Amino acid sequence: MNKFLIILTTINGFLFFLIGLLWIISPYDAASIFGITILPIGLGLSSLIGDIGSYFLCIGVMMILAAYTLNSIWFYAPALLLGSTAVLRFISWSMHDANFATQFIIVEILIVTLLLVTARRIQK
């Protein structure tokens, strides 16, 4: 069971890393994945690529490191980032009239669960 969880973590890590690379290579394609149809120009574009690209690259690297080292500490940072992303999506819906991003929230909660369960199981 632990091996399966580690493989799932690794696959997700590579997917996140690839999304981060996509923000560097083709920000318009990356943005469309998340429903961002109009990208800002100038400093706004730099911020979007830098912030979101680094978010995905770092989460991917941390998940891959978690799976490679089997050090449970590496599972918690991406879980915290993804968990707070899900919470902030809810806040954006409830306070700022954004669409409720059900599909993204479900994926984020599932990956947080995967990371926390895996961290717990490898500690034993």
N, C-alpha and C. Protein backbone atom coordinates (compact mmCIF):
# COMPACT_ATOMS: atom_id res chain seq x y z
N MET A 1 0.82 -1.20 0.00
CA MET A 1 0.00 0.00 0.00
C MET A 1 0.86 1.26 0.00
N ASN A 2 1.92 1.25 0.82
CA ASN A 2 2.79 2.43 0.87
C ASN A 2 3.42 2.71 -0.48
N LYS A 3 3.83 1.66 -1.18
CA LYS A 3 4.46 1.83 -2.49
C LYS A 3 3.48 2.50 -3.47
N PHE A 4 2.23 2.08 -3.43
CA PHE A 4 1.20 2.68 -4.28
C PHE A 4 1.04 4.16 -3.97
N LEU A 5 1.01 4.51 -2.70
CA LEU A 5 0.88 5.92 -2.30
C LEU A 5 2.09 6.74 -2.75
N ILE A 6 3.26 6.15 -2.66
CA ILE A 6 4.49 6.83 -3.10
C ILE A 6 4.45 7.05 -4.61
N ILE A 7 3.99 6.05 -5.35
CA ILE A 7 3.88 6.19 -6.81
C ILE A 7 2.88 7.29 -7.17
N LEU A 8 1.74 7.32 -6.49
CA LEU A 8 0.76 8.38 -6.73
C LEU A 8 1.34 9.76 -6.43
N THR A 9 2.08 9.86 -5.35
CA THR A 9 2.72 11.13 -4.99
C THR A 9 3.71 11.54 -6.07
N THR A 10 4.49 10.60 -6.55
CA THR A 10 5.48 10.89 -7.59
C THR A 10 4.81 11.37 -8.87
N ILE A 11 3.77 10.67 -9.29
CA ILE A 11 3.05 11.06 -10.51
C ILE A 11 2.49 12.47 -10.36
N ASN A 12 1.85 12.73 -9.23
CA ASN A 12 1.30 14.07 -9.00
C ASN A 12 2.41 15.12 -8.95
N GLY A 13 3.54 14.78 -8.37
CA GLY A 13 4.66 15.71 -8.33
C GLY A 13 5.13 16.08 -9.72
N PHE A 14 5.26 15.09 -10.59
CA PHE A 14 5.67 15.38 -11.96
C PHE A 14 4.62 16.20 -12.71
N LEU A 15 3.34 15.92 -12.46
CA LEU A 15 2.29 16.71 -13.10
C LEU A 15 2.35 18.17 -12.67
N PHE A 16 2.52 18.40 -11.38
CA PHE A 16 2.63 19.77 -10.90
C PHE A 16 3.86 20.46 -11.48
N PHE A 17 4.97 19.73 -11.53
CA PHE A 17 6.19 20.29 -12.10
C PHE A 17 5.99 20.65 -13.57
N LEU A 18 5.31 19.79 -14.32
CA LEU A 18 5.05 20.07 -15.73
C LEU A 18 4.14 21.28 -15.92
N ILE A 19 3.16 21.44 -15.04
CA ILE A 19 2.31 22.63 -15.10
C ILE A 19 3.14 23.88 -14.83
N GLY A 20 4.07 23.79 -13.89
CA GLY A 20 4.98 24.92 -13.63
C GLY A 20 5.81 25.25 -14.85
N LEU A 21 6.33 24.23 -15.52
CA LEU A 21 7.10 24.46 -16.75
C LEU A 21 6.22 25.08 -17.84
N LEU A 22 4.97 24.65 -17.90
CA LEU A 22 4.06 25.21 -18.90
C LEU A 22 3.86 26.71 -18.68
N TRP A 23 3.83 27.14 -17.41
CA TRP A 23 3.72 28.58 -17.13
C TRP A 23 4.92 29.33 -17.69
N ILE A 24 6.07 28.69 -17.75
CA ILE A 24 7.27 29.33 -18.29
C ILE A 24 7.24 29.30 -19.82
N ILE A 25 6.91 28.15 -20.39
CA ILE A 25 6.99 27.95 -21.83
C ILE A 25 5.82 28.60 -22.57
N SER A 26 4.62 28.42 -22.06
CA SER A 26 3.42 28.92 -22.73
C SER A 26 2.39 29.37 -21.71
N PRO A 27 2.57 30.55 -21.14
CA PRO A 27 1.66 31.00 -20.09
C PRO A 27 0.20 31.08 -20.53
N TYR A 28 -0.04 31.34 -21.80
CA TYR A 28 -1.43 31.42 -22.27
C TYR A 28 -2.11 30.06 -22.21
N ASP A 29 -1.39 29.01 -22.59
CA ASP A 29 -1.95 27.66 -22.48
C ASP A 29 -2.13 27.26 -21.02
N ALA A 30 -1.15 27.57 -20.19
CA ALA A 30 -1.25 27.25 -18.77
C ALA A 30 -2.43 27.98 -18.14
N ALA A 31 -2.60 29.24 -18.48
CA ALA A 31 -3.70 30.03 -17.91
C ALA A 31 -5.05 29.45 -18.31
N SER A 32 -5.16 28.98 -19.54
CA SER A 32 -6.46 28.46 -20.01
C SER A 32 -6.89 27.22 -19.23
N ILE A 33 -5.93 26.46 -18.71
CA ILE A 33 -6.26 25.29 -17.89
C ILE A 33 -7.08 25.71 -16.67
N PHE A 34 -6.79 26.89 -16.16
CA PHE A 34 -7.42 27.36 -14.92
C PHE A 34 -8.51 28.39 -15.17
N GLY A 35 -8.95 28.51 -16.41
CA GLY A 35 -10.04 29.43 -16.71
C GLY A 35 -9.64 30.89 -16.78
N ILE A 36 -8.35 31.15 -16.87
CA ILE A 36 -7.87 32.53 -17.00
C ILE A 36 -7.82 32.81 -18.50
N THR A 37 -8.74 33.63 -18.97
CA THR A 37 -8.86 33.84 -20.41
C THR A 37 -8.13 35.08 -20.90
N ILE A 38 -7.90 36.02 -20.02
CA ILE A 38 -7.19 37.24 -20.40
C ILE A 38 -6.00 37.41 -19.46
N LEU A 39 -4.81 37.45 -20.02
CA LEU A 39 -3.61 37.65 -19.21
C LEU A 39 -3.24 39.12 -19.21
N PRO A 40 -2.80 39.61 -18.07
CA PRO A 40 -2.34 41.00 -18.01
C PRO A 40 -1.06 41.17 -18.81
N ILE A 41 -0.65 42.41 -18.97
CA ILE A 41 0.62 42.69 -19.65
C ILE A 41 1.58 43.31 -18.65
N GLY A 42 2.83 43.40 -19.02
CA GLY A 42 3.83 44.07 -18.19
C GLY A 42 4.07 43.38 -16.87
N LEU A 43 4.04 44.16 -15.81
CA LEU A 43 4.32 43.66 -14.47
C LEU A 43 3.30 42.60 -14.02
N GLY A 44 2.06 42.77 -14.44
CA GLY A 44 1.03 41.80 -14.09
C GLY A 44 1.33 40.42 -14.66
N LEU A 45 1.79 40.39 -15.91
CA LEU A 45 2.15 39.11 -16.53
C LEU A 45 3.35 38.49 -15.84
N SER A 46 4.32 39.33 -15.51
CA SER A 46 5.50 38.85 -14.79
C SER A 46 5.11 38.25 -13.44
N SER A 47 4.21 38.91 -12.74
CA SER A 47 3.76 38.42 -11.44
C SER A 47 3.01 37.10 -11.58
N LEU A 48 2.13 37.04 -12.58
CA LEU A 48 1.35 35.82 -12.78
C LEU A 48 2.24 34.63 -13.10
N ILE A 49 3.16 34.82 -14.05
CA ILE A 49 4.07 33.73 -14.42
C ILE A 49 4.98 33.37 -13.25
N GLY A 50 5.55 34.37 -12.61
CA GLY A 50 6.47 34.12 -11.50
C GLY A 50 5.80 33.47 -10.31
N ASP A 51 4.66 34.00 -9.90
CA ASP A 51 3.98 33.48 -8.70
C ASP A 51 3.37 32.11 -8.94
N ILE A 52 2.59 31.99 -10.00
CA ILE A 52 1.91 30.72 -10.24
C ILE A 52 2.89 29.66 -10.74
N GLY A 53 3.82 30.06 -11.59
CA GLY A 53 4.83 29.11 -12.07
C GLY A 53 5.65 28.54 -10.93
N SER A 54 6.10 29.41 -10.03
CA SER A 54 6.90 28.93 -8.90
C SER A 54 6.07 28.08 -7.94
N TYR A 55 4.80 28.42 -7.78
CA TYR A 55 3.88 27.64 -6.95
C TYR A 55 3.86 26.18 -7.43
N PHE A 56 3.63 25.99 -8.72
CA PHE A 56 3.54 24.64 -9.26
C PHE A 56 4.89 23.94 -9.31
N LEU A 57 5.93 24.65 -9.70
CA LEU A 57 7.27 24.04 -9.73
C LEU A 57 7.68 23.57 -8.34
N CYS A 58 7.49 24.42 -7.34
CA CYS A 58 7.91 24.07 -5.97
C CYS A 58 7.07 22.95 -5.38
N ILE A 59 5.77 22.98 -5.60
CA ILE A 59 4.94 21.88 -5.11
C ILE A 59 5.39 20.57 -5.77
N GLY A 60 5.63 20.62 -7.07
CA GLY A 60 6.09 19.42 -7.77
C GLY A 60 7.41 18.90 -7.22
N VAL A 61 8.37 19.79 -7.03
CA VAL A 61 9.67 19.39 -6.49
C VAL A 61 9.52 18.80 -5.09
N MET A 62 8.71 19.44 -4.25
CA MET A 62 8.53 18.94 -2.88
C MET A 62 7.87 17.56 -2.87
N MET A 63 6.91 17.34 -3.76
CA MET A 63 6.26 16.03 -3.82
C MET A 63 7.23 14.96 -4.32
N ILE A 64 8.05 15.31 -5.30
CA ILE A 64 9.04 14.35 -5.81
C ILE A 64 10.08 14.06 -4.72
N LEU A 65 10.54 15.09 -4.01
CA LEU A 65 11.48 14.88 -2.91
C LEU A 65 10.86 14.03 -1.81
N ALA A 66 9.59 14.26 -1.53
CA ALA A 66 8.90 13.46 -0.52
C ALA A 66 8.92 11.99 -0.91
N ALA A 67 8.59 11.71 -2.16
CA ALA A 67 8.55 10.32 -2.62
C ALA A 67 9.94 9.71 -2.68
N TYR A 68 10.92 10.49 -3.06
CA TYR A 68 12.29 9.98 -3.21
C TYR A 68 12.96 9.73 -1.86
N THR A 69 12.84 10.69 -0.95
CA THR A 69 13.54 10.58 0.34
C THR A 69 12.75 9.80 1.38
N LEU A 70 11.45 9.70 1.18
CA LEU A 70 10.55 9.11 2.17
C LEU A 70 10.65 9.81 3.52
N ASN A 71 11.01 11.07 3.49
CA ASN A 71 11.06 11.90 4.69
C ASN A 71 9.71 12.60 4.80
N SER A 72 8.97 12.28 5.84
CA SER A 72 7.59 12.76 5.95
C SER A 72 7.48 14.29 5.96
N ILE A 73 8.53 14.98 6.35
CA ILE A 73 8.47 16.45 6.41
C ILE A 73 8.19 17.05 5.04
N TRP A 74 8.67 16.40 3.97
CA TRP A 74 8.47 16.92 2.61
C TRP A 74 7.02 16.83 2.15
N PHE A 75 6.21 16.02 2.80
CA PHE A 75 4.80 15.89 2.41
C PHE A 75 3.96 17.04 2.94
N TYR A 76 4.39 17.67 4.02
CA TYR A 76 3.54 18.65 4.69
C TYR A 76 3.48 20.01 3.99
N ALA A 77 4.58 20.48 3.43
CA ALA A 77 4.56 21.79 2.78
C ALA A 77 3.62 21.82 1.57
N PRO A 78 3.69 20.85 0.64
CA PRO A 78 2.73 20.89 -0.47
C PRO A 78 1.29 20.69 0.01
N ALA A 79 1.11 19.90 1.07
CA ALA A 79 -0.24 19.72 1.61
C ALA A 79 -0.76 21.05 2.15
N LEU A 80 0.08 21.80 2.83
CA LEU A 80 -0.32 23.10 3.37
C LEU A 80 -0.65 24.08 2.24
N LEU A 81 0.18 24.12 1.22
CA LEU A 81 -0.07 25.02 0.09
C LEU A 81 -1.37 24.67 -0.63
N LEU A 82 -1.58 23.40 -0.91
CA LEU A 82 -2.79 22.99 -1.61
C LEU A 82 -4.04 23.15 -0.75
N GLY A 83 -3.91 22.86 0.54
CA GLY A 83 -5.04 23.05 1.45
C GLY A 83 -5.44 24.51 1.55
N SER A 84 -4.46 25.39 1.65
CA SER A 84 -4.79 26.82 1.72
C SER A 84 -5.33 27.32 0.39
N THR A 85 -4.90 26.73 -0.71
CA THR A 85 -5.47 27.09 -2.01
C THR A 85 -6.95 26.76 -2.05
N ALA A 86 -7.32 25.58 -1.57
CA ALA A 86 -8.74 25.20 -1.54
C ALA A 86 -9.55 26.15 -0.66
N VAL A 87 -9.01 26.52 0.48
CA VAL A 87 -9.70 27.45 1.38
C VAL A 87 -9.87 28.81 0.71
N LEU A 88 -8.81 29.30 0.07
CA LEU A 88 -8.89 30.61 -0.59
C LEU A 88 -9.83 30.59 -1.79
N ARG A 89 -9.95 29.46 -2.46
CA ARG A 89 -10.95 29.35 -3.53
C ARG A 89 -12.36 29.52 -2.96
N PHE A 90 -12.60 28.90 -1.80
CA PHE A 90 -13.90 29.04 -1.14
C PHE A 90 -14.14 30.49 -0.75
N ILE A 91 -13.12 31.14 -0.20
CA ILE A 91 -13.25 32.55 0.19
C ILE A 91 -13.51 33.43 -1.03
N SER A 92 -12.82 33.16 -2.13
CA SER A 92 -13.04 33.98 -3.33
C SER A 92 -14.47 33.83 -3.84
N TRP A 93 -15.04 32.65 -3.68
CA TRP A 93 -16.43 32.43 -4.07
C TRP A 93 -17.38 33.15 -3.11
N SER A 94 -17.14 33.00 -1.81
CA SER A 94 -18.08 33.54 -0.83
C SER A 94 -17.99 35.05 -0.65
N MET A 95 -16.82 35.62 -0.88
CA MET A 95 -16.65 37.05 -0.63
C MET A 95 -16.51 37.91 -1.88
N HIS A 96 -16.10 37.30 -2.99
CA HIS A 96 -15.77 38.12 -4.16
C HIS A 96 -16.51 37.69 -5.42
N ASP A 97 -17.55 36.90 -5.27
CA ASP A 97 -18.42 36.53 -6.38
C ASP A 97 -17.70 35.75 -7.49
N ALA A 98 -16.64 35.05 -7.15
CA ALA A 98 -15.98 34.17 -8.13
C ALA A 98 -16.83 32.91 -8.30
N ASN A 99 -16.67 32.24 -9.42
CA ASN A 99 -17.35 30.96 -9.60
C ASN A 99 -16.79 29.96 -8.60
N PHE A 100 -17.67 29.06 -8.13
CA PHE A 100 -17.22 28.03 -7.21
C PHE A 100 -16.45 26.98 -8.01
N ALA A 101 -15.18 26.82 -7.71
CA ALA A 101 -14.27 25.97 -8.50
C ALA A 101 -14.28 24.53 -7.97
N THR A 102 -15.43 23.89 -8.09
CA THR A 102 -15.61 22.55 -7.54
C THR A 102 -14.53 21.57 -7.98
N GLN A 103 -14.27 21.52 -9.28
CA GLN A 103 -13.32 20.52 -9.80
C GLN A 103 -11.92 20.74 -9.24
N PHE A 104 -11.50 21.99 -9.08
CA PHE A 104 -10.17 22.26 -8.54
C PHE A 104 -10.11 21.96 -7.04
N ILE A 105 -11.16 22.35 -6.32
CA ILE A 105 -11.20 22.12 -4.87
C ILE A 105 -11.17 20.62 -4.57
N ILE A 106 -11.92 19.84 -5.32
CA ILE A 106 -11.93 18.39 -5.09
C ILE A 106 -10.54 17.80 -5.31
N VAL A 107 -9.90 18.18 -6.40
CA VAL A 107 -8.54 17.67 -6.68
C VAL A 107 -7.58 18.09 -5.57
N GLU A 108 -7.66 19.34 -5.14
CA GLU A 108 -6.76 19.82 -4.08
C GLU A 108 -6.97 19.05 -2.79
N ILE A 109 -8.22 18.81 -2.42
CA ILE A 109 -8.51 18.07 -1.19
C ILE A 109 -8.03 16.62 -1.31
N LEU A 110 -8.23 16.02 -2.48
CA LEU A 110 -7.76 14.64 -2.67
C LEU A 110 -6.24 14.54 -2.57
N ILE A 111 -5.54 15.50 -3.16
CA ILE A 111 -4.07 15.45 -3.11
C ILE A 111 -3.57 15.74 -1.69
N VAL A 112 -4.22 16.67 -0.99
CA VAL A 112 -3.85 16.93 0.41
C VAL A 112 -4.04 15.65 1.22
N THR A 113 -5.15 14.97 1.01
CA THR A 113 -5.41 13.71 1.71
C THR A 113 -4.34 12.67 1.39
N LEU A 114 -4.00 12.54 0.10
CA LEU A 114 -2.93 11.62 -0.31
C LEU A 114 -1.63 11.94 0.41
N LEU A 115 -1.26 13.21 0.43
CA LEU A 115 0.01 13.61 1.05
C LEU A 115 0.02 13.34 2.55
N LEU A 116 -1.07 13.68 3.24
CA LEU A 116 -1.11 13.48 4.69
C LEU A 116 -1.17 12.01 5.07
N VAL A 117 -1.95 11.23 4.32
CA VAL A 117 -2.03 9.79 4.60
C VAL A 117 -0.67 9.13 4.34
N THR A 118 -0.03 9.50 3.25
CA THR A 118 1.27 8.92 2.92
C THR A 118 2.31 9.29 3.98
N ALA A 119 2.32 10.56 4.39
CA ALA A 119 3.26 11.00 5.43
C ALA A 119 3.05 10.19 6.71
N ARG A 120 1.82 9.99 7.06
CA ARG A 120 1.51 9.25 8.29
C ARG A 120 1.94 7.78 8.17
N ARG A 121 1.69 7.19 7.02
CA ARG A 121 2.00 5.76 6.85
C ARG A 121 3.50 5.50 6.80
N ILE A 122 4.27 6.42 6.24
CA ILE A 122 5.72 6.15 6.17
C ILE A 122 6.41 6.44 7.50
N GLN A 123 5.73 7.15 8.40
CA GLN A 123 6.30 7.39 9.73
C GLN A 123 6.27 6.14 10.58
N LYS A 124 5.36 5.24 10.27
CA LYS A 124 5.20 4.03 11.09
C LYS A 124 6.27 3.01 10.79
